[in-house]
Amino acid sequence: MSMMTAPESDRDHDSSGAAAKEPKHAAGSPKLSHRPASYDRGVQIAAAQLRLVTDRRLGRTTPEWIKELAREEPQAS
């Protein structure tokens, strides 16, 4: 004798009316932030500057594109 039961359907599982109106994928999805591109660029510049310091202290060679990025001035948003 098997102890398996029939799976619940979505209709049986969702008893509230509000849950049926909202798609399941949207219920727990995080909201997208709309940051200005200058903010993201500023983070990239700061990361490149940190990479320069780290490479210098570890005696590593830093790629030229990172050096160029680190020399940029962050734009005010």
Foldseek 3Di string as FASTA:
>chain_A
DDPDDDDDDPPRVDPDPVVVVDDPVPPPDDDDDDDDVLVVLVVLLVVLLVVVVVCVVVVHDDDPVSVVSVPDDRDDD
